């Protein structure tokens, strides 16, 4: 029986990252890829679903669809209810994202959201992102391709290493051909407010949100290394992410406060 993998992303169906992912996996034996990706870039759309307008699939190639104005979560949700009515895919992969998804950025990430939607429906899921220099628009996905092939092979030959409602968040360092994998936790990201005010030719104001540098610090009382530290040291970061956002350690103090 063929091993079915659903592929999505948040950079759009024609992104170099998702095309590199397809290239990496298409020749694996007895693998069936079904690609459903947004028609347009949906970076930082988070785990959003489209509720106020209709969505429709547009066929790009055999088992390759773009979803007009859909989000990654839309792509997964609709794929499971239409293309996989008889049986769920064996695995879902979201990526390869152009740029990192580490620390609290995971909450913004459409790439991570694709994997979140997968595990909500009990489909083992991986989000994979390539740290890159955006001054180099081509990027190098060689290490990301070899990494995802290793992970898919290991999962297929054994089992998915996480329980339900947890997914693997993988970040690949830039300008590396080979390196070690490190199990990490999500780092403590430092944020600022970077927006740029401009005016169009008619004098009307508009704002453009900026890019923040990757600036992290150590989480207090946490053993191991963060995703950011692993990337900074040139390692592949693999972080188990759970969807339960409850702060259990704060429940007693909240009870006392009430």
Protein backbone atom coordinates (compact mmCIF):
# COMPACT_ATOMS: atom_id res chain seq x y z
CA UNK A 1 0.00 0.00 0.00
CA UNK A 2 1.32 3.41 -0.94
CA UNK A 3 2.27 5.83 1.81
CA UNK A 4 0.23 9.02 1.38
CA UNK A 5 1.68 12.40 2.31
CA UNK A 6 -0.29 15.63 2.25
CA UNK A 7 1.91 18.66 1.56
CA UNK A 8 1.05 22.31 2.20
CA UNK A 9 2.85 25.58 2.97
CA UNK A 10 2.22 29.27 3.62
CA UNK A 11 4.47 30.82 0.95
CA UNK A 12 2.18 29.85 -1.92
CA UNK A 13 1.91 26.92 -4.31
CA UNK A 14 4.78 28.15 -6.52
CA UNK A 15 7.26 28.81 -3.69
CA UNK A 16 10.77 27.46 -4.21
CA UNK A 17 10.53 25.85 -0.79
CA UNK A 18 7.50 23.69 -1.48
CA UNK A 19 8.87 22.77 -4.92
CA UNK A 20 12.13 21.70 -3.24
CA UNK A 21 10.13 19.57 -0.79
CA UNK A 22 8.27 17.87 -3.62
CA UNK A 23 11.55 17.24 -5.44
CA UNK A 24 13.03 15.67 -2.31
CA UNK A 25 10.18 13.24 -1.71
CA UNK A 26 8.80 12.36 -5.15
CA UNK A 27 11.26 9.55 -5.84
CA UNK A 28 10.88 7.75 -2.51
CA UNK A 29 9.51 4.27 -3.09
CA UNK A 30 5.74 3.81 -2.81
CA UNK A 31 5.16 7.41 -1.78
CA UNK A 32 2.05 9.26 -2.97
CA UNK A 33 2.22 13.04 -2.64
CA UNK A 34 -0.88 15.24 -2.65
CA UNK A 35 -0.05 18.94 -2.62
CA UNK A 36 -2.61 21.56 -1.58
CA UNK A 37 -1.14 25.01 -1.02
CA UNK A 38 -2.41 28.60 -0.92
CA UNK A 39 -2.70 30.38 -4.25
CA UNK A 40 -0.96 33.41 -2.71
CA UNK A 41 1.57 33.96 0.04
CA UNK A 42 -0.01 33.66 3.49
CA UNK A 43 3.02 34.16 5.72
CA UNK A 44 2.21 35.01 9.37
CA UNK A 45 -1.48 34.22 8.87
CA UNK A 46 -1.44 31.99 11.94
CA UNK A 47 -3.97 29.23 12.46
CA UNK A 48 -6.77 31.00 10.64
CA UNK A 49 -9.69 29.49 8.72
CA UNK A 50 -11.71 31.32 6.06
CA UNK A 51 -15.33 31.63 7.17
CA UNK A 52 -16.66 34.64 5.25
CA UNK A 53 -16.20 33.63 1.61
CA UNK A 54 -16.21 30.44 -0.49
CA UNK A 55 -13.01 28.59 -1.37
CA UNK A 56 -12.24 26.41 -4.38
CA UNK A 57 -9.47 24.14 -5.56
CA UNK A 58 -7.61 24.90 -8.79
CA UNK A 59 -5.70 21.99 -10.32
CA UNK A 60 -2.05 22.83 -11.06
CA UNK A 61 -0.86 19.31 -11.93
CA UNK A 62 -1.67 15.71 -11.04
CA UNK A 63 -2.42 15.63 -7.29
CA UNK A 64 -1.31 19.27 -7.04
CA UNK A 65 -3.83 21.99 -6.20
CA UNK A 66 -3.83 25.61 -5.20
CA UNK A 67 -6.58 26.95 -2.98
CA UNK A 68 -7.75 30.37 -4.09
CA UNK A 69 -7.15 32.85 -1.25
CA UNK A 70 -6.99 30.00 1.25
CA UNK A 71 -4.79 29.72 4.31
CA UNK A 72 -2.63 26.69 5.16
CA UNK A 73 -5.22 25.62 7.73
CA UNK A 74 -7.90 25.92 5.03
CA UNK A 75 -5.79 23.75 2.74
CA UNK A 76 -5.48 20.99 5.31
CA UNK A 77 -9.07 21.20 6.54
CA UNK A 78 -10.58 21.06 3.04
CA UNK A 79 -8.15 18.40 1.82
CA UNK A 80 -9.13 16.06 4.62
CA UNK A 81 -12.85 16.56 4.00
CA UNK A 82 -12.69 16.26 0.19
CA UNK A 83 -9.51 14.61 -1.14
CA UNK A 84 -9.10 12.18 1.77
CA UNK A 85 -12.69 11.23 2.50
CA UNK A 86 -11.98 7.50 2.48
CA UNK A 87 -8.75 7.48 4.49
CA UNK A 88 -6.57 10.13 6.11
CA UNK A 89 -3.04 10.70 4.83
CA UNK A 90 -0.28 8.85 6.66
CA UNK A 91 1.69 12.05 7.19
CA UNK A 92 1.38 15.80 6.66
CA UNK A 93 4.34 18.07 5.88
CA UNK A 94 4.07 21.85 5.89
CA UNK A 95 6.94 23.71 4.22
CA UNK A 96 9.69 24.12 3.29
CA UNK A 97 9.13 27.62 4.66
CA UNK A 98 11.27 30.52 3.47
CA UNK A 99 12.69 31.70 6.77
CA UNK A 100 12.71 30.40 10.32
CA UNK A 101 9.77 29.56 12.59
CA UNK A 102 11.18 29.51 16.11
CA UNK A 103 10.14 30.54 19.60
CA UNK A 104 6.85 32.41 19.88
CA UNK A 105 6.94 33.08 16.14
CA UNK A 106 5.29 29.65 15.90
CA UNK A 107 2.02 31.33 16.94
CA UNK A 108 2.19 33.64 13.91
CA UNK A 109 3.36 30.98 11.48
CA UNK A 110 1.13 29.71 8.70
CA UNK A 111 3.64 26.90 8.22
CA UNK A 112 3.24 25.73 11.82
CA UNK A 113 -0.53 26.21 11.49
CA UNK A 114 -0.65 23.69 8.65
CA UNK A 115 0.90 21.13 10.99
CA UNK A 116 -1.40 22.21 13.83
CA UNK A 117 -4.45 21.58 11.67
CA UNK A 118 -3.07 18.18 10.75
CA UNK A 119 -2.60 16.96 14.32
CA UNK A 120 -6.05 18.30 15.28
CA UNK A 121 -7.36 15.67 12.85
CA UNK A 122 -5.00 12.96 14.15
CA UNK A 123 -2.64 13.15 11.18
CA UNK A 124 1.05 12.98 12.18
CA UNK A 125 2.55 16.28 11.07
CA UNK A 126 5.84 18.07 10.47
CA UNK A 127 6.50 21.76 9.91
CA UNK A 128 9.86 22.47 8.28
CA UNK A 129 11.50 25.86 7.78
CA UNK A 130 14.73 27.01 6.18
CA UNK A 131 16.63 29.81 7.91
CA UNK A 132 17.84 32.00 5.07
CA UNK A 133 19.36 35.27 4.00
CA UNK A 134 16.56 37.13 2.25
CA UNK A 135 19.16 38.99 0.21
CA UNK A 136 19.70 35.64 -1.50
CA UNK A 137 16.29 34.97 -3.08
CA UNK A 138 17.26 31.56 -4.46
CA UNK A 139 18.25 29.97 -1.16
CA UNK A 140 19.79 26.54 -0.73
CA UNK A 141 17.42 23.76 0.30
CA UNK A 142 19.90 20.88 0.04
CA UNK A 143 20.12 20.24 3.78
CA UNK A 144 16.38 20.70 4.27
CA UNK A 145 15.72 18.16 1.50
CA UNK A 146 18.04 15.53 2.94
CA UNK A 147 16.65 16.13 6.45
CA UNK A 148 13.01 15.69 5.47
CA UNK A 149 13.87 12.54 3.50
CA UNK A 150 15.56 11.08 6.61
CA UNK A 151 12.62 11.98 8.85
CA UNK A 152 10.00 10.60 6.46
CA UNK A 153 11.96 7.37 6.03
CA UNK A 154 12.40 6.97 9.80
CA UNK A 155 8.71 7.64 10.50
CA UNK A 156 7.57 5.32 7.75
CA UNK A 157 9.84 2.47 8.84
CA UNK A 158 8.95 2.91 12.51
CA UNK A 159 6.37 5.27 13.93
CA UNK A 160 5.72 8.94 14.57
CA UNK A 161 7.64 9.86 17.73
CA UNK A 162 5.02 12.11 19.37
CA UNK A 163 1.58 11.60 20.93
CA UNK A 164 -1.63 13.06 19.56
CA UNK A 165 -1.92 16.84 19.13
CA UNK A 166 1.84 17.31 19.01
CA UNK A 167 3.88 18.01 15.87
CA UNK A 168 7.53 18.27 14.91
CA UNK A 169 8.79 21.78 14.22
CA UNK A 170 12.02 21.56 12.23
CA UNK A 171 14.33 24.50 11.50
CA UNK A 172 17.29 24.16 9.13
CA UNK A 173 20.39 26.37 9.50
CA UNK A 174 21.51 28.35 6.49
CA UNK A 175 24.63 27.66 4.43
CA UNK A 176 25.11 24.13 5.78
CA UNK A 177 25.41 20.98 3.71
CA UNK A 178 25.55 18.54 6.63
CA UNK A 179 25.16 18.84 10.40
CA UNK A 180 23.69 17.16 13.48
CA UNK A 181 20.06 17.21 14.59
CA UNK A 182 19.33 18.59 18.06
CA UNK A 183 16.13 18.19 20.07
CA UNK A 184 15.23 21.67 21.30
CA UNK A 185 12.61 23.72 23.07
CA UNK A 186 10.96 26.83 21.65
CA UNK A 187 13.14 29.82 22.49
CA UNK A 188 12.21 33.06 24.24
CA UNK A 189 11.98 35.57 21.41
CA UNK A 190 12.54 39.29 21.95
CA UNK A 191 10.07 41.50 20.14
CA UNK A 192 9.93 45.14 19.18
CA UNK A 193 7.49 47.23 17.18
CA UNK A 194 8.98 47.73 13.71
CA UNK A 195 6.60 49.50 11.36
CA UNK A 196 7.43 51.98 8.60
CA UNK A 197 5.30 54.94 7.64
CA UNK A 198 5.18 55.91 3.94
CA UNK A 199 3.01 58.01 1.67
CA UNK A 200 1.69 57.11 -1.75
CA UNK A 201 1.80 59.60 -4.67
CA UNK A 202 -1.53 61.05 -3.52
CA UNK A 203 -0.15 61.79 -0.07
CA UNK A 204 -2.12 59.06 1.68
CA UNK A 205 -0.35 57.35 4.58
CA UNK A 206 0.30 53.63 4.67
CA UNK A 207 2.28 51.42 7.01
CA UNK A 208 4.59 48.50 6.23
CA UNK A 209 5.48 46.01 8.96
CA UNK A 210 9.20 45.32 9.25
CA UNK A 211 11.37 42.27 9.89
CA UNK A 212 12.90 41.80 13.33
CA UNK A 213 16.38 40.34 13.86
CA UNK A 214 16.46 36.89 15.45
CA UNK A 215 17.08 37.87 19.06
CA UNK A 216 16.44 35.31 21.80
CA UNK A 217 17.36 34.60 25.41
CA UNK A 218 17.45 31.51 27.62
CA UNK A 219 14.22 30.40 29.28
CA UNK A 220 14.61 30.23 33.05
CA UNK A 221 14.50 26.77 34.59
CA UNK A 222 14.48 24.89 31.28
CA UNK A 223 17.07 22.22 30.55
CA UNK A 224 18.54 21.71 27.11
CA UNK A 225 18.95 24.21 24.31
CA UNK A 226 16.48 26.36 22.45
CA UNK A 227 15.73 26.21 18.74
CA UNK A 228 17.53 29.53 18.31
CA UNK A 229 20.67 28.33 20.12
CA UNK A 230 20.78 25.19 17.98
CA UNK A 231 20.50 27.22 14.77
CA UNK A 232 23.10 29.69 16.02
CA UNK A 233 25.49 26.77 16.58
CA UNK A 234 24.81 25.40 13.09
CA UNK A 235 22.59 22.46 14.11
CA UNK A 236 19.23 21.32 12.78
CA UNK A 237 16.59 22.14 15.40
CA UNK A 238 13.75 19.69 16.01
CA UNK A 239 11.18 20.86 18.54
CA UNK A 240 8.15 18.89 19.75
CA UNK A 241 5.23 21.35 19.83
CA UNK A 242 1.98 20.70 21.69
CA UNK A 243 -1.31 22.49 21.06
CA UNK A 244 -2.39 22.61 24.71
CA UNK A 245 -1.63 26.24 25.68
CA UNK A 246 -2.86 25.88 29.26
CA UNK A 247 -0.46 27.24 31.87
CA UNK A 248 -0.82 24.44 34.42
CA UNK A 249 1.79 25.88 36.77
CA UNK A 250 -0.30 29.05 37.10
CA UNK A 251 -3.60 27.36 37.92
CA UNK A 252 -3.07 27.25 41.70
CA UNK A 253 -1.93 30.87 41.87
CA UNK A 254 -4.92 31.91 39.77
CA UNK A 255 -7.26 30.05 42.13
CA UNK A 256 -5.73 31.94 45.06
CA UNK A 257 -6.03 35.23 43.18
CA UNK A 258 -9.73 34.60 42.54
